Amino acid sequence: MITYLGNLGSGQQVYVENQGTQTIVTLFSSSPGQQQSQSNSFSTGSWVKPPALFRTASGVILQIKTQAGNYFVRLQTNGMSSLNETPSLSNAENIPLQQTETNPTSTMPSMPPMQPIEPMKPMEPMKPMEPLRMGDMEMQMSPTMQMRMGNMELKMPPMGTGNPAKDGFCTQCGNQVSTQDKFCSRCGYQLR
């Protein structure tokens, strides 16, 4: 297995490995407290010369010489892609590649295993709302809505209890109704 390592600067390195007809290219990025790597495998055929690395205006180009011809891979911070056309390397800077015995992925410090996430506890039922008090006004929501202010008091029956109409008016909207009506003709409230 033939392997090469190149330093791209800014905490980035490239690792190039030939495994038979496959070329494996791995980009490494490291910054304080963070390491990332991404790999791609390209079907290039066997190498006939060591790979070459060039810095161009459009990024870093990896050149692989095989029995079938030259193969080019563009390396960028966010990934890599094979090129269908031969790039212009006339003004490119040659980046040295060093042959190495070890795969950098095996020397990278491993992350500690993640702890399993504890299941969520079921929600507890809501407690009844405490009466609200503001000065001499008090409001209570359960079991029926009640409001007291000074010597005045207002009580509203729970919805849908079907309380009969009092004094010929709907207790929900105040519409005039007769004692024979089962529902209010304005709001549809069940009167009895």
C-alpha atoms as a PDB file:
ATOM      1  CA  MET A   1       0.000   0.000   0.000  1.00  0.00           C
ATOM      2  CA  ILE A   2       1.451   3.367  -1.068  1.00  0.00           C
ATOM      3  CA  THR A   3       0.531   6.409   1.030  1.00  0.00           C
ATOM      4  CA  TYR A   4       1.382  10.119   0.848  1.00  0.00           C
ATOM      5  CA  LEU A   5       0.711  13.035   3.183  1.00  0.00           C
ATOM      6  CA  GLY A   6       0.629  16.742   2.238  1.00  0.00           C
ATOM      7  CA  ASN A   7       0.261  19.861   4.386  1.00  0.00           C
ATOM      8  CA  LEU A   8      -2.201  22.355   2.844  1.00  0.00           C
ATOM      9  CA  GLY A   9      -1.755  24.992   5.590  1.00  0.00           C
ATOM     10  CA  SER A  10      -4.384  26.526   7.899  1.00  0.00           C
ATOM     11  CA  GLY A  11      -4.586  23.252   9.854  1.00  0.00           C
ATOM     12  CA  GLN A  12      -5.466  21.175   6.758  1.00  0.00           C
ATOM     13  CA  GLN A  13      -3.713  18.057   5.515  1.00  0.00           C
ATOM     14  CA  VAL A  14      -4.409  15.641   2.705  1.00  0.00           C
ATOM     15  CA  TYR A  15      -3.763  11.905   2.830  1.00  0.00           C
ATOM     16  CA  VAL A  16      -3.568  10.011  -0.492  1.00  0.00           C
ATOM     17  CA  GLU A  17      -3.501   6.219  -0.629  1.00  0.00           C
ATOM     18  CA  ASN A  18      -3.439   3.782  -3.549  1.00  0.00           C
ATOM     19  CA  GLN A  19      -5.213   0.462  -2.967  1.00  0.00           C
ATOM     20  CA  GLY A  20      -5.014  -1.454  -6.226  1.00  0.00           C
ATOM     21  CA  THR A  21      -7.182   0.430  -8.730  1.00  0.00           C
ATOM     22  CA  GLN A  22      -8.695   2.732  -6.080  1.00  0.00           C
ATOM     23  CA  THR A  23      -7.226   6.021  -4.872  1.00  0.00           C
ATOM     24  CA  ILE A  24      -8.486   7.115  -1.459  1.00  0.00           C
ATOM     25  CA  VAL A  25      -8.196  10.825  -0.698  1.00  0.00           C
ATOM     26  CA  THR A  26      -8.805  12.053   2.856  1.00  0.00           C
ATOM     27  CA  LEU A  27      -8.912  15.718   3.918  1.00  0.00           C
ATOM     28  CA  PHE A  28      -8.144  16.547   7.558  1.00  0.00           C
ATOM     29  CA  SER A  29      -8.976  19.852   9.232  1.00  0.00           C
ATOM     30  CA  SER A  30      -7.986  20.632  12.776  1.00  0.00           C
ATOM     31  CA  SER A  31      -8.492  23.694  14.916  1.00  0.00           C
ATOM     32  CA  PRO A  32      -8.393  24.081  18.699  1.00  0.00           C
ATOM     33  CA  GLY A  33     -10.848  21.572  20.163  1.00  0.00           C
ATOM     34  CA  GLN A  34     -12.091  20.335  16.797  1.00  0.00           C
ATOM     35  CA  GLN A  35     -10.985  17.792  14.187  1.00  0.00           C
ATOM     36  CA  GLN A  36     -12.789  16.850  10.990  1.00  0.00           C
ATOM     37  CA  SER A  37     -12.022  14.451   8.181  1.00  0.00           C
ATOM     38  CA  GLN A  38     -13.694  13.468   4.949  1.00  0.00           C
ATOM     39  CA  SER A  39     -12.730  10.732   2.516  1.00  0.00           C
ATOM     40  CA  ASN A  40     -13.557   9.879  -1.070  1.00  0.00           C
ATOM     41  CA  SER A  41     -12.557   6.899  -3.156  1.00  0.00           C
ATOM     42  CA  PHE A  42     -11.804   7.351  -6.853  1.00  0.00           C
ATOM     43  CA  SER A  43     -11.406   4.582  -9.407  1.00  0.00           C
ATOM     44  CA  THR A  44      -8.138   5.702 -11.000  1.00  0.00           C
ATOM     45  CA  GLY A  45      -6.266   2.506 -11.722  1.00  0.00           C
ATOM     46  CA  SER A  46      -2.765   1.726 -10.423  1.00  0.00           C
ATOM     47  CA  TRP A  47      -0.325   4.602 -10.050  1.00  0.00           C
ATOM     48  CA  VAL A  48       2.730   4.759 -12.302  1.00  0.00           C
ATOM     49  CA  LYS A  49       4.265   7.771 -10.470  1.00  0.00           C
ATOM     50  CA  PRO A  50       3.809   9.292  -7.023  1.00  0.00           C
ATOM     51  CA  PRO A  51       0.921  11.788  -6.845  1.00  0.00           C
ATOM     52  CA  ALA A  52       1.597  15.520  -7.159  1.00  0.00           C
ATOM     53  CA  LEU A  53      -0.130  18.362  -5.356  1.00  0.00           C
ATOM     54  CA  PHE A  54      -0.528  21.906  -6.745  1.00  0.00           C
ATOM     55  CA  ARG A  55      -1.965  25.147  -5.335  1.00  0.00           C
ATOM     56  CA  THR A  56      -3.768  27.160  -8.047  1.00  0.00           C
ATOM     57  CA  ALA A  57      -5.930  30.287  -8.005  1.00  0.00           C
ATOM     58  CA  SER A  58      -9.031  28.057  -7.993  1.00  0.00           C
ATOM     59  CA  GLY A  59      -7.886  25.743  -5.162  1.00  0.00           C
ATOM     60  CA  VAL A  60      -5.648  22.751  -4.601  1.00  0.00           C
ATOM     61  CA  ILE A  61      -5.330  20.155  -7.376  1.00  0.00           C
ATOM     62  CA  LEU A  62      -4.174  16.575  -6.815  1.00  0.00           C
ATOM     63  CA  GLN A  63      -2.645  14.915  -9.882  1.00  0.00           C
ATOM     64  CA  ILE A  64      -2.497  11.121 -10.083  1.00  0.00           C
ATOM     65  CA  LYS A  65      -0.569   9.501 -12.956  1.00  0.00           C
ATOM     66  CA  THR A  66      -1.885   6.064 -13.876  1.00  0.00           C
ATOM     67  CA  GLN A  67      -1.439   3.628 -16.760  1.00  0.00           C
ATOM     68  CA  ALA A  68      -4.631   5.068 -18.305  1.00  0.00           C
ATOM     69  CA  GLY A  69      -3.392   8.671 -18.055  1.00  0.00           C
ATOM     70  CA  ASN A  70      -3.615  11.607 -15.659  1.00  0.00           C
ATOM     71  CA  TYR A  71      -6.409  11.902 -13.138  1.00  0.00           C
ATOM     72  CA  PHE A  72      -7.149  15.211 -11.357  1.00  0.00           C
ATOM     73  CA  VAL A  73      -9.030  15.891  -8.082  1.00  0.00           C
ATOM     74  CA  ARG A  74      -9.909  19.401  -6.849  1.00  0.00           C
ATOM     75  CA  LEU A  75      -9.549  19.734  -3.058  1.00  0.00           C
ATOM     76  CA  GLN A  76     -11.529  22.458  -1.299  1.00  0.00           C
ATOM     77  CA  THR A  77     -12.390  23.243   2.306  1.00  0.00           C
ATOM     78  CA  ASN A  78     -15.930  21.923   1.862  1.00  0.00           C
ATOM     79  CA  GLY A  79     -15.066  18.803  -0.141  1.00  0.00           C
ATOM     80  CA  MET A  80     -13.382  17.301  -3.187  1.00  0.00           C
ATOM     81  CA  SER A  81     -14.380  16.464  -6.738  1.00  0.00           C
ATOM     82  CA  SER A  82     -12.814  14.807  -9.748  1.00  0.00           C
ATOM     83  CA  LEU A  83     -12.150  17.037 -12.757  1.00  0.00           C
ATOM     84  CA  ASN A  84     -13.216  16.055 -16.273  1.00  0.00           C
ATOM     85  CA  GLU A  85     -10.733  18.415 -17.951  1.00  0.00           C
ATOM     86  CA  THR A  86      -7.013  18.940 -17.444  1.00  0.00           C
ATOM     87  CA  PRO A  87      -6.558  22.061 -15.293  1.00  0.00           C
ATOM     88  CA  SER A  88      -3.991  24.723 -16.089  1.00  0.00           C
ATOM     89  CA  LEU A  89      -1.007  24.121 -13.789  1.00  0.00           C
ATOM     90  CA  SER A  90       1.443  26.549 -15.471  1.00  0.00           C
ATOM     91  CA  ASN A  91       1.478  29.107 -12.594  1.00  0.00           C
ATOM     92  CA  ALA A  92       0.665  26.572  -9.863  1.00  0.00           C
ATOM     93  CA  GLU A  93       2.734  26.192  -6.699  1.00  0.00           C
ATOM     94  CA  ASN A  94       3.967  22.640  -6.085  1.00  0.00           C
ATOM     95  CA  ILE A  95       3.048  21.394  -2.571  1.00  0.00           C
ATOM     96  CA  PRO A  96       5.432  18.652  -1.395  1.00  0.00           C
ATOM     97  CA  LEU A  97       3.984  15.228  -0.542  1.00  0.00           C
ATOM     98  CA  GLN A  98       5.799  12.919   1.874  1.00  0.00           C
ATOM     99  CA  GLN A  99       5.555   9.162   1.687  1.00  0.00           C
ATOM    100  CA  THR A 100       4.353   7.757   4.996  1.00  0.00           C
ATOM    101  CA  GLU A 101       3.698   4.392   6.571  1.00  0.00           C
ATOM    102  CA  THR A 102       0.788   5.351   8.816  1.00  0.00           C
ATOM    103  CA  ASN A 103      -2.741   6.454   8.116  1.00  0.00           C
ATOM    104  CA  PRO A 104      -3.397   9.721   9.993  1.00  0.00           C
ATOM    105  CA  THR A 105      -6.871   8.509  10.919  1.00  0.00           C
ATOM    106  CA  SER A 106      -5.289   5.857  13.135  1.00  0.00           C
ATOM    107  CA  THR A 107      -3.207   8.475  14.986  1.00  0.00           C
ATOM    108  CA  MET A 108      -6.039  10.954  15.542  1.00  0.00           C
ATOM    109  CA  PRO A 109      -7.220  11.034  19.151  1.00  0.00           C
ATOM    110  CA  SER A 110     -10.543   9.326  19.475  1.00  0.00           C
ATOM    111  CA  MET A 111     -13.575  11.072  20.889  1.00  0.00           C
ATOM    112  CA  PRO A 112     -15.003   9.697  24.128  1.00  0.00           C
ATOM    113  CA  PRO A 113     -18.123   7.587  23.589  1.00  0.00           C
ATOM    114  CA  MET A 114     -21.382   9.472  23.809  1.00  0.00           C
ATOM    115  CA  GLN A 115     -23.559   8.780  26.801  1.00  0.00           C
ATOM    116  CA  PRO A 116     -27.074   7.555  25.997  1.00  0.00           C
ATOM    117  CA  ILE A 117     -29.810  10.143  26.295  1.00  0.00           C
ATOM    118  CA  GLU A 118     -32.146   9.545  29.199  1.00  0.00           C
ATOM    119  CA  PRO A 119     -35.804   9.176  28.240  1.00  0.00           C
ATOM    120  CA  MET A 120     -38.038  12.115  28.981  1.00  0.00           C
ATOM    121  CA  LYS A 121     -40.174  11.928  32.087  1.00  0.00           C
ATOM    122  CA  PRO A 122     -43.918  12.027  31.460  1.00  0.00           C
ATOM    123  CA  MET A 123     -45.513  15.401  31.966  1.00  0.00           C
ATOM    124  CA  GLU A 124     -47.351  15.926  35.207  1.00  0.00           C
ATOM    125  CA  PRO A 125     -50.946  17.130  34.977  1.00  0.00           C
ATOM    126  CA  MET A 126     -51.400  20.847  35.400  1.00  0.00           C
ATOM    127  CA  LYS A 127     -52.409  22.016  38.829  1.00  0.00           C
ATOM    128  CA  PRO A 128     -55.651  23.953  39.110  1.00  0.00           C
ATOM    129  CA  MET A 129     -55.180  27.660  38.731  1.00  0.00           C
ATOM    130  CA  GLU A 130     -55.041  29.552  41.985  1.00  0.00           C
ATOM    131  CA  PRO A 131     -57.580  32.364  42.382  1.00  0.00           C
ATOM    132  CA  LEU A 132     -56.304  35.659  40.974  1.00  0.00           C
ATOM    133  CA  ARG A 133     -56.531  38.669  43.261  1.00  0.00           C
ATOM    134  CA  MET A 134     -56.074  42.327  42.399  1.00  0.00           C
ATOM    135  CA  GLY A 135     -57.185  44.743  45.063  1.00  0.00           C
ATOM    136  CA  ASP A 136     -60.813  43.909  45.892  1.00  0.00           C
ATOM    137  CA  MET A 137     -61.225  41.828  42.670  1.00  0.00           C
ATOM    138  CA  GLU A 138     -60.928  38.027  42.762  1.00  0.00           C
ATOM    139  CA  MET A 139     -61.188  35.621  39.809  1.00  0.00           C
ATOM    140  CA  GLN A 140     -61.339  31.832  39.981  1.00  0.00           C
ATOM    141  CA  MET A 141     -61.345  29.485  36.975  1.00  0.00           C
ATOM    142  CA  SER A 142     -62.411  26.059  38.233  1.00  0.00           C
ATOM    143  CA  PRO A 143     -64.764  24.309  38.343  1.00  0.00           C
ATOM    144  CA  THR A 144     -66.717  27.294  37.018  1.00  0.00           C
ATOM    145  CA  MET A 145     -65.513  30.774  36.233  1.00  0.00           C
ATOM    146  CA  GLN A 146     -66.301  33.128  39.111  1.00  0.00           C
ATOM    147  CA  MET A 147     -65.477  36.781  39.482  1.00  0.00           C
ATOM    148  CA  ARG A 148     -66.022  38.914  42.568  1.00  0.00           C
ATOM    149  CA  MET A 149     -65.464  42.623  42.820  1.00  0.00           C
ATOM    150  CA  GLY A 150     -66.540  44.365  45.986  1.00  0.00           C
ATOM    151  CA  ASN A 151     -70.125  43.264  46.600  1.00  0.00           C
ATOM    152  CA  MET A 152     -70.688  42.155  42.932  1.00  0.00           C
ATOM    153  CA  GLU A 153     -70.338  38.540  41.861  1.00  0.00           C
ATOM    154  CA  LEU A 154     -70.449  36.891  38.433  1.00  0.00           C
ATOM    155  CA  LYS A 155     -70.579  33.121  37.902  1.00  0.00           C
ATOM    156  CA  MET A 156     -70.474  31.395  34.544  1.00  0.00           C
ATOM    157  CA  PRO A 157     -71.579  27.765  34.295  1.00  0.00           C
ATOM    158  CA  PRO A 158     -69.245  25.288  32.594  1.00  0.00           C
ATOM    159  CA  MET A 159     -69.700  25.187  28.822  1.00  0.00           C
ATOM    160  CA  GLY A 160     -72.288  22.727  27.546  1.00  0.00           C
ATOM    161  CA  THR A 161     -74.027  22.067  30.856  1.00  0.00           C
ATOM    162  CA  GLY A 162     -77.363  23.035  29.368  1.00  0.00           C
ATOM    163  CA  ASN A 163     -78.560  25.357  32.120  1.00  0.00           C
ATOM    164  CA  PRO A 164     -82.071  26.533  31.307  1.00  0.00           C
ATOM    165  CA  ALA A 165     -82.687  30.126  30.326  1.00  0.00           C
ATOM    166  CA  LYS A 166     -83.655  32.441  33.148  1.00  0.00           C
ATOM    167  CA  ASP A 167     -86.107  35.291  32.763  1.00  0.00           C
ATOM    168  CA  GLY A 168     -86.485  34.584  28.985  1.00  0.00           C
ATOM    169  CA  PHE A 169     -82.829  35.360  28.089  1.00  0.00           C
ATOM    170  CA  CYS A 170     -79.947  33.118  26.991  1.00  0.00           C
ATOM    171  CA  THR A 171     -77.408  32.831  29.808  1.00  0.00           C
ATOM    172  CA  GLN A 172     -74.582  32.703  27.248  1.00  0.00           C
ATOM    173  CA  CYS A 173     -75.242  35.698  24.978  1.00  0.00           C
ATOM    174  CA  GLY A 174     -78.278  37.498  26.465  1.00  0.00           C
ATOM    175  CA  ASN A 175     -80.562  36.917  23.461  1.00  0.00           C
ATOM    176  CA  GLN A 176     -84.296  36.800  24.265  1.00  0.00           C
ATOM    177  CA  VAL A 177     -85.591  33.180  24.267  1.00  0.00           C
ATOM    178  CA  SER A 178     -88.791  31.439  25.242  1.00  0.00           C
ATOM    179  CA  THR A 179     -89.000  28.702  27.875  1.00  0.00           C
ATOM    180  CA  GLN A 180     -89.891  26.174  25.115  1.00  0.00           C
ATOM    181  CA  ASP A 181     -86.603  26.774  23.231  1.00  0.00           C
ATOM    182  CA  LYS A 182     -83.933  24.047  23.622  1.00  0.00           C
ATOM    183  CA  PHE A 183     -81.198  26.132  21.953  1.00  0.00           C
ATOM    184  CA  CYS A 184     -80.546  29.842  21.621  1.00  0.00           C
ATOM    185  CA  SER A 185     -81.362  31.082  18.101  1.00  0.00           C
ATOM    186  CA  ARG A 186     -78.404  33.535  18.126  1.00  0.00           C
ATOM    187  CA  CYS A 187     -75.475  31.567  19.601  1.00  0.00           C
ATOM    188  CA  GLY A 188     -76.738  27.974  19.585  1.00  0.00           C
ATOM    189  CA  TYR A 189     -76.167  27.532  23.335  1.00  0.00           C
ATOM    190  CA  GLN A 190     -78.066  24.560  24.817  1.00  0.00           C
ATOM    191  CA  LEU A 191     -80.700  26.084  27.073  1.00  0.00           C
ATOM    192  CA  ARG A 192     -81.991  22.871  28.719  1.00  0.00           C
END
